[in-house]
Amino acid sequence: MNLRDKLKEKTIILPIKATTQTDAIQELLTHLQGINILTATSKLMSYIDINEKKSPSAAGRGIAYPHSTSIEVDNLVCVLGLSKDGIDFNSPDGQLCHIILLTLSPDEDPREHRKFITRFRTMIDNPIIRSQLLDANQTIEVINIIQQWEEEDALTDNFN
């Protein structure tokens, strides 16, 4: 699964304007509504809020992965928000989140997001990539960073 299949210029918010966890998730959902991927956000926001209370999406190291299923999507939908200042997502390590990847899976395949998140996590485990993403000033830079990483990763896979 390629990250570029789901993360495109229109599904990246740089910078995310929100300063709280709830506002950040709402901003990501509203963005998807604004690009006609979603028609409504209030129910999804409620579901994600419930999920956050059960199992917080903050993974540590400045990264959060909020997720929900939705009847509005037929395939996995992702939106990436990058925050220069960071947002408190109640992270287990106490760090503010700078990288927020919201995923929405179709009801029929509620675990579809896991492969994508695993791939994304592999990329941002590289501290250089993580730093480049946070230093980016335009969405095209983010796309180029992802593309370059995927091309290099494919070459590495071919040699292993």
N, C-alpha and C. Protein backbone atom coordinates (compact mmCIF):
# COMPACT_ATOMS: atom_id res chain seq x y z
N MET A 1 0.84 -1.18 0.00
CA MET A 1 0.00 0.00 0.00
C MET A 1 0.89 1.25 0.00
N ASN A 2 0.68 2.10 -0.97
CA ASN A 2 1.44 3.35 -1.06
C ASN A 2 0.75 4.46 -0.29
N LEU A 3 1.51 5.21 0.44
CA LEU A 3 0.97 6.35 1.17
C LEU A 3 0.41 7.39 0.21
N ARG A 4 1.08 7.53 -0.94
CA ARG A 4 0.64 8.53 -1.93
C ARG A 4 -0.72 8.21 -2.54
N ASP A 5 -1.17 6.98 -2.40
CA ASP A 5 -2.50 6.64 -2.91
C ASP A 5 -3.58 7.34 -2.10
N LYS A 6 -3.30 7.63 -0.85
CA LYS A 6 -4.30 8.24 0.04
C LYS A 6 -3.94 9.67 0.46
N LEU A 7 -2.66 9.96 0.55
CA LEU A 7 -2.24 11.30 0.95
C LEU A 7 -1.85 12.10 -0.28
N LYS A 8 -2.69 13.05 -0.60
CA LYS A 8 -2.47 13.92 -1.75
C LYS A 8 -2.49 15.36 -1.24
N GLU A 9 -2.16 16.30 -2.12
CA GLU A 9 -2.15 17.70 -1.68
C GLU A 9 -3.46 18.10 -1.02
N LYS A 10 -4.57 17.62 -1.57
CA LYS A 10 -5.87 18.05 -1.03
C LYS A 10 -6.21 17.38 0.30
N THR A 11 -5.47 16.35 0.70
CA THR A 11 -5.75 15.69 1.98
C THR A 11 -4.64 15.94 3.01
N ILE A 12 -3.94 17.04 2.83
CA ILE A 12 -2.90 17.44 3.79
C ILE A 12 -3.20 18.88 4.21
N ILE A 13 -3.23 19.10 5.51
CA ILE A 13 -3.43 20.45 6.04
C ILE A 13 -2.12 20.90 6.67
N LEU A 14 -1.58 21.96 6.12
CA LEU A 14 -0.30 22.49 6.59
C LEU A 14 -0.36 24.01 6.58
N PRO A 15 -0.34 24.65 7.71
CA PRO A 15 -0.40 24.07 9.05
C PRO A 15 -1.85 23.90 9.49
N ILE A 16 -2.06 22.96 10.39
CA ILE A 16 -3.37 22.83 11.00
C ILE A 16 -3.51 24.00 11.97
N LYS A 17 -4.67 24.61 12.01
CA LYS A 17 -4.86 25.83 12.81
C LYS A 17 -5.29 25.55 14.25
N ALA A 18 -5.88 24.39 14.47
CA ALA A 18 -6.42 24.05 15.79
C ALA A 18 -5.34 24.06 16.86
N THR A 19 -5.80 24.30 18.10
CA THR A 19 -4.87 24.30 19.23
C THR A 19 -5.26 23.26 20.28
N THR A 20 -6.41 22.60 20.09
CA THR A 20 -6.83 21.55 21.02
C THR A 20 -7.10 20.27 20.24
N GLN A 21 -7.11 19.16 20.95
CA GLN A 21 -7.35 17.87 20.33
C GLN A 21 -8.70 17.83 19.62
N THR A 22 -9.75 18.24 20.30
CA THR A 22 -11.09 18.22 19.72
C THR A 22 -11.15 19.11 18.49
N ASP A 23 -10.60 20.30 18.59
CA ASP A 23 -10.61 21.21 17.44
C ASP A 23 -9.79 20.67 16.28
N ALA A 24 -8.69 19.99 16.58
CA ALA A 24 -7.85 19.42 15.51
C ALA A 24 -8.62 18.34 14.75
N ILE A 25 -9.26 17.44 15.47
CA ILE A 25 -10.03 16.38 14.82
C ILE A 25 -11.17 16.99 14.01
N GLN A 26 -11.85 17.98 14.58
CA GLN A 26 -12.94 18.63 13.86
C GLN A 26 -12.41 19.34 12.61
N GLU A 27 -11.26 19.97 12.70
CA GLU A 27 -10.68 20.64 11.53
C GLU A 27 -10.37 19.64 10.42
N LEU A 28 -9.85 18.48 10.79
CA LEU A 28 -9.55 17.44 9.79
C LEU A 28 -10.84 16.94 9.14
N LEU A 29 -11.87 16.70 9.94
CA LEU A 29 -13.16 16.24 9.40
C LEU A 29 -13.79 17.32 8.52
N THR A 30 -13.76 18.56 8.97
CA THR A 30 -14.33 19.66 8.19
C THR A 30 -13.59 19.82 6.87
N HIS A 31 -12.29 19.59 6.90
CA HIS A 31 -11.51 19.65 5.65
C HIS A 31 -12.01 18.59 4.67
N LEU A 32 -12.23 17.38 5.16
CA LEU A 32 -12.75 16.32 4.28
C LEU A 32 -14.14 16.67 3.75
N GLN A 33 -14.92 17.34 4.55
CA GLN A 33 -16.24 17.80 4.09
C GLN A 33 -16.07 18.88 3.02
N GLY A 34 -15.11 19.76 3.22
CA GLY A 34 -14.87 20.85 2.27
C GLY A 34 -14.38 20.38 0.91
N ILE A 35 -13.76 19.20 0.86
CA ILE A 35 -13.30 18.66 -0.43
C ILE A 35 -14.23 17.55 -0.92
N ASN A 36 -15.44 17.55 -0.36
CA ASN A 36 -16.54 16.67 -0.80
C ASN A 36 -16.28 15.18 -0.61
N ILE A 37 -15.51 14.84 0.41
CA ILE A 37 -15.34 13.43 0.75
C ILE A 37 -16.39 13.03 1.79
N LEU A 38 -16.75 13.97 2.65
CA LEU A 38 -17.80 13.74 3.65
C LEU A 38 -18.92 14.75 3.44
N THR A 39 -20.13 14.35 3.84
CA THR A 39 -21.25 15.29 3.76
C THR A 39 -21.57 15.89 5.13
N ALA A 40 -21.20 15.19 6.19
CA ALA A 40 -21.46 15.68 7.54
C ALA A 40 -20.34 15.22 8.45
N THR A 41 -20.16 15.94 9.56
CA THR A 41 -19.05 15.58 10.45
C THR A 41 -19.48 15.35 11.90
N SER A 42 -20.67 15.77 12.29
CA SER A 42 -21.02 15.73 13.71
C SER A 42 -21.07 14.31 14.29
N LYS A 43 -21.67 13.36 13.56
CA LYS A 43 -21.71 11.98 14.07
C LYS A 43 -20.31 11.39 14.13
N LEU A 44 -19.53 11.62 13.09
CA LEU A 44 -18.16 11.10 13.08
C LEU A 44 -17.36 11.69 14.24
N MET A 45 -17.54 12.96 14.49
CA MET A 45 -16.84 13.60 15.60
C MET A 45 -17.22 12.91 16.90
N SER A 46 -18.49 12.59 17.07
CA SER A 46 -18.95 11.89 18.28
C SER A 46 -18.31 10.52 18.40
N TYR A 47 -18.28 9.77 17.29
CA TYR A 47 -17.67 8.44 17.31
C TYR A 47 -16.19 8.52 17.65
N ILE A 48 -15.50 9.45 17.03
CA ILE A 48 -14.07 9.59 17.29
C ILE A 48 -13.83 10.00 18.74
N ASP A 49 -14.69 10.88 19.25
CA ASP A 49 -14.57 11.30 20.64
C ASP A 49 -14.74 10.11 21.59
N ILE A 50 -15.69 9.24 21.29
CA ILE A 50 -15.89 8.02 22.09
C ILE A 50 -14.65 7.13 22.00
N ASN A 51 -14.13 6.96 20.77
CA ASN A 51 -12.92 6.15 20.59
C ASN A 51 -11.75 6.73 21.38
N GLU A 52 -11.63 8.06 21.38
CA GLU A 52 -10.53 8.71 22.09
C GLU A 52 -10.61 8.45 23.59
N LYS A 53 -11.83 8.41 24.12
CA LYS A 53 -12.00 8.15 25.55
C LYS A 53 -11.64 6.70 25.89
N LYS A 54 -11.97 5.77 24.98
CA LYS A 54 -11.66 4.35 25.21
C LYS A 54 -10.18 4.08 25.02
N SER A 55 -9.65 4.58 23.92
CA SER A 55 -8.27 4.29 23.55
C SER A 55 -7.68 5.52 22.87
N PRO A 56 -6.96 6.35 23.61
CA PRO A 56 -6.41 7.58 23.04
C PRO A 56 -5.55 7.31 21.79
N SER A 57 -5.64 8.21 20.84
CA SER A 57 -4.96 8.03 19.55
C SER A 57 -3.51 8.48 19.57
N ALA A 58 -3.10 9.19 20.61
CA ALA A 58 -1.71 9.65 20.68
C ALA A 58 -0.79 8.44 20.85
N ALA A 59 0.22 8.37 19.99
CA ALA A 59 1.12 7.23 20.00
C ALA A 59 2.47 7.57 20.62
N GLY A 60 2.65 8.81 21.03
CA GLY A 60 3.94 9.23 21.53
C GLY A 60 4.78 9.81 20.41
N ARG A 61 5.89 10.43 20.77
CA ARG A 61 6.83 11.03 19.82
C ARG A 61 6.18 12.10 18.94
N GLY A 62 5.09 12.71 19.42
CA GLY A 62 4.47 13.81 18.68
C GLY A 62 3.52 13.39 17.59
N ILE A 63 2.97 12.16 17.68
CA ILE A 63 2.13 11.63 16.61
C ILE A 63 0.81 11.12 17.19
N ALA A 64 -0.29 11.38 16.47
CA ALA A 64 -1.61 10.85 16.86
C ALA A 64 -2.30 10.29 15.63
N TYR A 65 -3.08 9.22 15.87
CA TYR A 65 -3.79 8.52 14.79
C TYR A 65 -5.28 8.38 15.10
N PRO A 66 -6.04 9.46 15.15
CA PRO A 66 -7.48 9.29 15.39
C PRO A 66 -8.12 8.50 14.24
N HIS A 67 -9.13 7.70 14.57
CA HIS A 67 -9.74 6.82 13.57
C HIS A 67 -11.21 6.59 13.88
N SER A 68 -11.97 6.32 12.81
CA SER A 68 -13.35 5.87 12.95
C SER A 68 -13.74 5.12 11.68
N THR A 69 -14.86 4.41 11.77
CA THR A 69 -15.48 3.87 10.57
C THR A 69 -16.55 4.86 10.14
N SER A 70 -16.98 4.75 8.89
CA SER A 70 -18.00 5.66 8.38
C SER A 70 -18.78 5.01 7.25
N ILE A 71 -20.08 5.22 7.25
CA ILE A 71 -20.91 4.74 6.14
C ILE A 71 -20.73 5.63 4.91
N GLU A 72 -20.09 6.77 5.10
CA GLU A 72 -19.90 7.71 3.99
C GLU A 72 -18.73 7.37 3.08
N VAL A 73 -17.88 6.45 3.51
CA VAL A 73 -16.70 6.14 2.69
C VAL A 73 -16.75 4.69 2.23
N ASP A 74 -16.35 4.48 0.98
CA ASP A 74 -16.29 3.13 0.41
C ASP A 74 -14.89 2.53 0.54
N ASN A 75 -13.91 3.40 0.66
CA ASN A 75 -12.51 3.00 0.78
C ASN A 75 -11.88 3.82 1.90
N LEU A 76 -10.71 3.40 2.30
CA LEU A 76 -9.98 4.13 3.33
C LEU A 76 -9.78 5.58 2.91
N VAL A 77 -10.04 6.49 3.83
CA VAL A 77 -9.84 7.92 3.61
C VAL A 77 -8.88 8.41 4.69
N CYS A 78 -7.91 9.21 4.28
CA CYS A 78 -6.92 9.74 5.23
C CYS A 78 -6.76 11.24 5.02
N VAL A 79 -6.53 11.92 6.12
CA VAL A 79 -6.19 13.34 6.06
C VAL A 79 -5.08 13.57 7.09
N LEU A 80 -4.06 14.29 6.67
CA LEU A 80 -2.90 14.53 7.51
C LEU A 80 -2.85 16.00 7.90
N GLY A 81 -2.75 16.25 9.19
CA GLY A 81 -2.57 17.61 9.68
C GLY A 81 -1.22 17.75 10.35
N LEU A 82 -0.51 18.81 10.02
CA LEU A 82 0.80 19.06 10.61
C LEU A 82 0.75 20.37 11.40
N SER A 83 1.20 20.31 12.63
CA SER A 83 1.17 21.47 13.52
C SER A 83 2.59 21.84 13.93
N LYS A 84 2.98 23.07 13.68
CA LYS A 84 4.32 23.53 14.09
C LYS A 84 4.41 23.63 15.61
N ASP A 85 3.35 24.14 16.25
CA ASP A 85 3.38 24.37 17.69
C ASP A 85 3.08 23.11 18.50
N GLY A 86 2.34 22.19 17.92
CA GLY A 86 1.96 20.98 18.64
C GLY A 86 0.62 21.15 19.34
N ILE A 87 -0.05 20.03 19.53
CA ILE A 87 -1.39 20.00 20.14
C ILE A 87 -1.39 18.92 21.21
N ASP A 88 -1.98 19.23 22.35
CA ASP A 88 -2.05 18.25 23.44
C ASP A 88 -3.09 17.17 23.11
N PHE A 89 -2.62 15.96 22.87
CA PHE A 89 -3.49 14.82 22.59
C PHE A 89 -3.42 13.81 23.74
N ASN A 90 -2.97 14.27 24.91
CA ASN A 90 -2.85 13.38 26.06
C ASN A 90 -1.90 12.23 25.77
N SER A 91 -0.80 12.53 25.18
CA SER A 91 0.16 11.53 24.75
C SER A 91 0.79 10.81 25.94
N PRO A 92 1.04 9.51 25.81
CA PRO A 92 1.63 8.76 26.93
C PRO A 92 3.01 9.28 27.34
N ASP A 93 3.73 9.90 26.41
CA ASP A 93 5.06 10.43 26.75
C ASP A 93 5.02 11.92 27.11
N GLY A 94 3.81 12.49 27.13
CA GLY A 94 3.65 13.89 27.51
C GLY A 94 3.98 14.89 26.42
N GLN A 95 4.42 14.42 25.26
CA GLN A 95 4.77 15.33 24.16
C GLN A 95 3.52 15.85 23.46
N LEU A 96 3.62 17.06 22.94
CA LEU A 96 2.56 17.59 22.10
C LEU A 96 2.61 16.89 20.75
N CYS A 97 1.46 16.76 20.10
CA CYS A 97 1.40 16.10 18.79
C CYS A 97 1.56 17.14 17.68
N HIS A 98 2.46 16.84 16.78
CA HIS A 98 2.72 17.69 15.62
C HIS A 98 2.23 17.04 14.33
N ILE A 99 2.06 15.74 14.37
CA ILE A 99 1.63 14.97 13.20
C ILE A 99 0.34 14.24 13.58
N ILE A 100 -0.76 14.60 12.91
CA ILE A 100 -2.05 13.98 13.20
C ILE A 100 -2.58 13.37 11.91
N LEU A 101 -2.68 12.06 11.90
CA LEU A 101 -3.18 11.33 10.74
C LEU A 101 -4.54 10.75 11.09
N LEU A 102 -5.59 11.35 10.54
CA LEU A 102 -6.95 10.87 10.75
C LEU A 102 -7.30 9.89 9.64
N THR A 103 -7.79 8.72 10.03
CA THR A 103 -8.21 7.72 9.04
C THR A 103 -9.67 7.36 9.27
N LEU A 104 -10.37 7.16 8.15
CA LEU A 104 -11.76 6.71 8.17
C LEU A 104 -11.85 5.46 7.32
N SER A 105 -12.33 4.39 7.92
CA SER A 105 -12.48 3.12 7.21
C SER A 105 -13.95 2.89 6.89
N PRO A 106 -14.23 2.16 5.80
CA PRO A 106 -15.61 1.80 5.53
C PRO A 106 -16.13 0.84 6.60
N ASP A 107 -17.43 0.88 6.86
CA ASP A 107 -18.02 -0.01 7.86
C ASP A 107 -17.72 -1.47 7.58
N GLU A 108 -17.67 -1.84 6.29
CA GLU A 108 -17.46 -3.25 5.92
C GLU A 108 -16.03 -3.72 6.20
N ASP A 109 -15.11 -2.80 6.31
CA ASP A 109 -13.71 -3.16 6.53
C ASP A 109 -13.10 -2.24 7.59
N PRO A 110 -13.53 -2.42 8.84
CA PRO A 110 -13.13 -1.48 9.89
C PRO A 110 -11.65 -1.49 10.24
N ARG A 111 -10.90 -2.47 9.76
CA ARG A 111 -9.47 -2.55 10.10
C ARG A 111 -8.57 -2.13 8.94
N GLU A 112 -9.18 -1.63 7.87
CA GLU A 112 -8.39 -1.26 6.69
C GLU A 112 -7.30 -0.23 7.01
N HIS A 113 -7.56 0.61 7.98
CA HIS A 113 -6.61 1.66 8.33
C HIS A 113 -5.30 1.14 8.92
N ARG A 114 -5.31 -0.06 9.47
CA ARG A 114 -4.12 -0.56 10.18
C ARG A 114 -2.91 -0.71 9.26
N LYS A 115 -3.11 -1.23 8.05
CA LYS A 115 -1.99 -1.38 7.12
C LYS A 115 -1.41 -0.02 6.76
N PHE A 116 -2.31 0.94 6.54
CA PHE A 116 -1.86 2.28 6.16
C PHE A 116 -1.07 2.92 7.30
N ILE A 117 -1.60 2.82 8.51
CA ILE A 117 -0.91 3.41 9.66
C ILE A 117 0.44 2.73 9.88
N THR A 118 0.49 1.42 9.70
CA THR A 118 1.77 0.71 9.84
C THR A 118 2.79 1.23 8.84
N ARG A 119 2.36 1.43 7.61
CA ARG A 119 3.25 1.96 6.57
C ARG A 119 3.69 3.39 6.92
N PHE A 120 2.73 4.21 7.33
CA PHE A 120 3.02 5.59 7.70
C PHE A 120 4.00 5.62 8.87
N ARG A 121 3.76 4.77 9.85
CA ARG A 121 4.62 4.71 11.03
C ARG A 121 6.05 4.30 10.65
N THR A 122 6.16 3.36 9.72
CA THR A 122 7.49 2.95 9.25
C THR A 122 8.24 4.16 8.69
N MET A 123 7.52 5.00 7.94
CA MET A 123 8.15 6.18 7.36
C MET A 123 8.58 7.16 8.44
N ILE A 124 7.68 7.48 9.36
CA ILE A 124 8.01 8.53 10.33
C ILE A 124 8.86 8.03 11.49
N ASP A 125 9.13 6.74 11.53
CA ASP A 125 10.11 6.24 12.50
C ASP A 125 11.50 6.77 12.17
N ASN A 126 11.67 7.18 10.92
CA ASN A 126 12.94 7.78 10.50
C ASN A 126 12.95 9.23 10.99
N PRO A 127 13.84 9.58 11.93
CA PRO A 127 13.83 10.93 12.49
C PRO A 127 14.10 12.02 11.45
N ILE A 128 14.83 11.69 10.41
CA ILE A 128 15.10 12.68 9.35
C ILE A 128 13.80 12.99 8.60
N ILE A 129 13.04 11.95 8.27
CA ILE A 129 11.76 12.15 7.57
C ILE A 129 10.81 12.94 8.46
N ARG A 130 10.72 12.55 9.72
CA ARG A 130 9.82 13.25 10.65
C ARG A 130 10.19 14.72 10.72
N SER A 131 11.47 15.02 10.81
CA SER A 131 11.93 16.40 10.86
C SER A 131 11.61 17.15 9.56
N GLN A 132 11.82 16.50 8.43
CA GLN A 132 11.52 17.13 7.14
C GLN A 132 10.03 17.45 7.03
N LEU A 133 9.17 16.54 7.48
CA LEU A 133 7.73 16.79 7.44
C LEU A 133 7.38 18.02 8.27
N LEU A 134 7.97 18.11 9.45
CA LEU A 134 7.65 19.23 10.34
C LEU A 134 8.25 20.54 9.87
N ASP A 135 9.31 20.47 9.07
CA ASP A 135 9.93 21.68 8.53
C ASP A 135 9.28 22.15 7.23
N ALA A 136 8.44 21.31 6.64
CA ALA A 136 7.80 21.65 5.36
C ALA A 136 6.91 22.88 5.52
N ASN A 137 6.88 23.70 4.48
CA ASN A 137 6.05 24.90 4.49
C ASN A 137 4.89 24.82 3.51
N GLN A 138 4.94 23.85 2.61
CA GLN A 138 3.89 23.69 1.61
C GLN A 138 3.54 22.21 1.48
N THR A 139 2.29 21.95 1.11
CA THR A 139 1.85 20.56 0.99
C THR A 139 2.63 19.81 -0.08
N ILE A 140 3.04 20.48 -1.14
CA ILE A 140 3.81 19.80 -2.19
C ILE A 140 5.13 19.27 -1.63
N GLU A 141 5.71 19.99 -0.67
CA GLU A 141 6.93 19.50 -0.03
C GLU A 141 6.66 18.19 0.71
N VAL A 142 5.53 18.12 1.39
CA VAL A 142 5.16 16.90 2.12
C VAL A 142 5.00 15.75 1.13
N ILE A 143 4.31 16.01 0.03
CA ILE A 143 4.12 14.99 -1.00
C ILE A 143 5.48 14.51 -1.52
N ASN A 144 6.37 15.44 -1.79
CA ASN A 144 7.70 15.07 -2.30
C ASN A 144 8.50 14.25 -1.29
N ILE A 145 8.39 14.58 -0.01
CA ILE A 145 9.08 13.82 1.04
C ILE A 145 8.55 12.39 1.07
N ILE A 146 7.23 12.26 1.02
CA ILE A 146 6.61 10.93 1.03
C ILE A 146 7.02 10.15 -0.21
N GLN A 147 6.96 10.80 -1.36
CA GLN A 147 7.31 10.13 -2.62
C GLN A 147 8.76 9.65 -2.60
N GLN A 148 9.66 10.51 -2.16
CA GLN A 148 11.07 10.14 -2.12
C GLN A 148 11.28 8.96 -1.17
N TRP A 149 10.63 8.99 -0.01
CA TRP A 149 10.77 7.89 0.94
C TRP A 149 10.24 6.59 0.34
N GLU A 150 9.08 6.67 -0.31
CA GLU A 150 8.51 5.44 -0.90
C GLU A 150 9.39 4.88 -2.00
N GLU A 151 9.97 5.76 -2.80
CA GLU A 151 10.87 5.28 -3.86
C GLU A 151 12.11 4.63 -3.27
N GLU A 152 12.68 5.24 -2.24
CA GLU A 152 13.86 4.66 -1.59
C GLU A 152 13.52 3.37 -0.87
N ASP A 153 12.34 3.32 -0.25
CA ASP A 153 11.90 2.12 0.45
C ASP A 153 11.68 0.97 -0.53
N ALA A 154 11.15 1.29 -1.71
CA ALA A 154 10.94 0.26 -2.73
C ALA A 154 12.28 -0.30 -3.21
N LEU A 155 13.27 0.57 -3.37
CA LEU A 155 14.60 0.10 -3.76
C LEU A 155 15.20 -0.80 -2.69
N THR A 156 15.05 -0.41 -1.44
CA THR A 156 15.56 -1.22 -0.34
C THR A 156 14.89 -2.58 -0.31
N ASP A 157 13.56 -2.60 -0.51
CA ASP A 157 12.82 -3.87 -0.53
C ASP A 157 13.30 -4.77 -1.65
N ASN A 158 13.66 -4.18 -2.78
CA ASN A 158 14.12 -4.98 -3.92
C ASN A 158 15.48 -5.63 -3.66
N PHE A 159 16.26 -5.05 -2.75
CA PHE A 159 17.58 -5.61 -2.46
C PHE A 159 17.56 -6.58 -1.29
N ASN A 160 16.46 -6.65 -0.58
CA ASN A 160 16.37 -7.56 0.58
C ASN A 160 15.74 -8.87 0.22
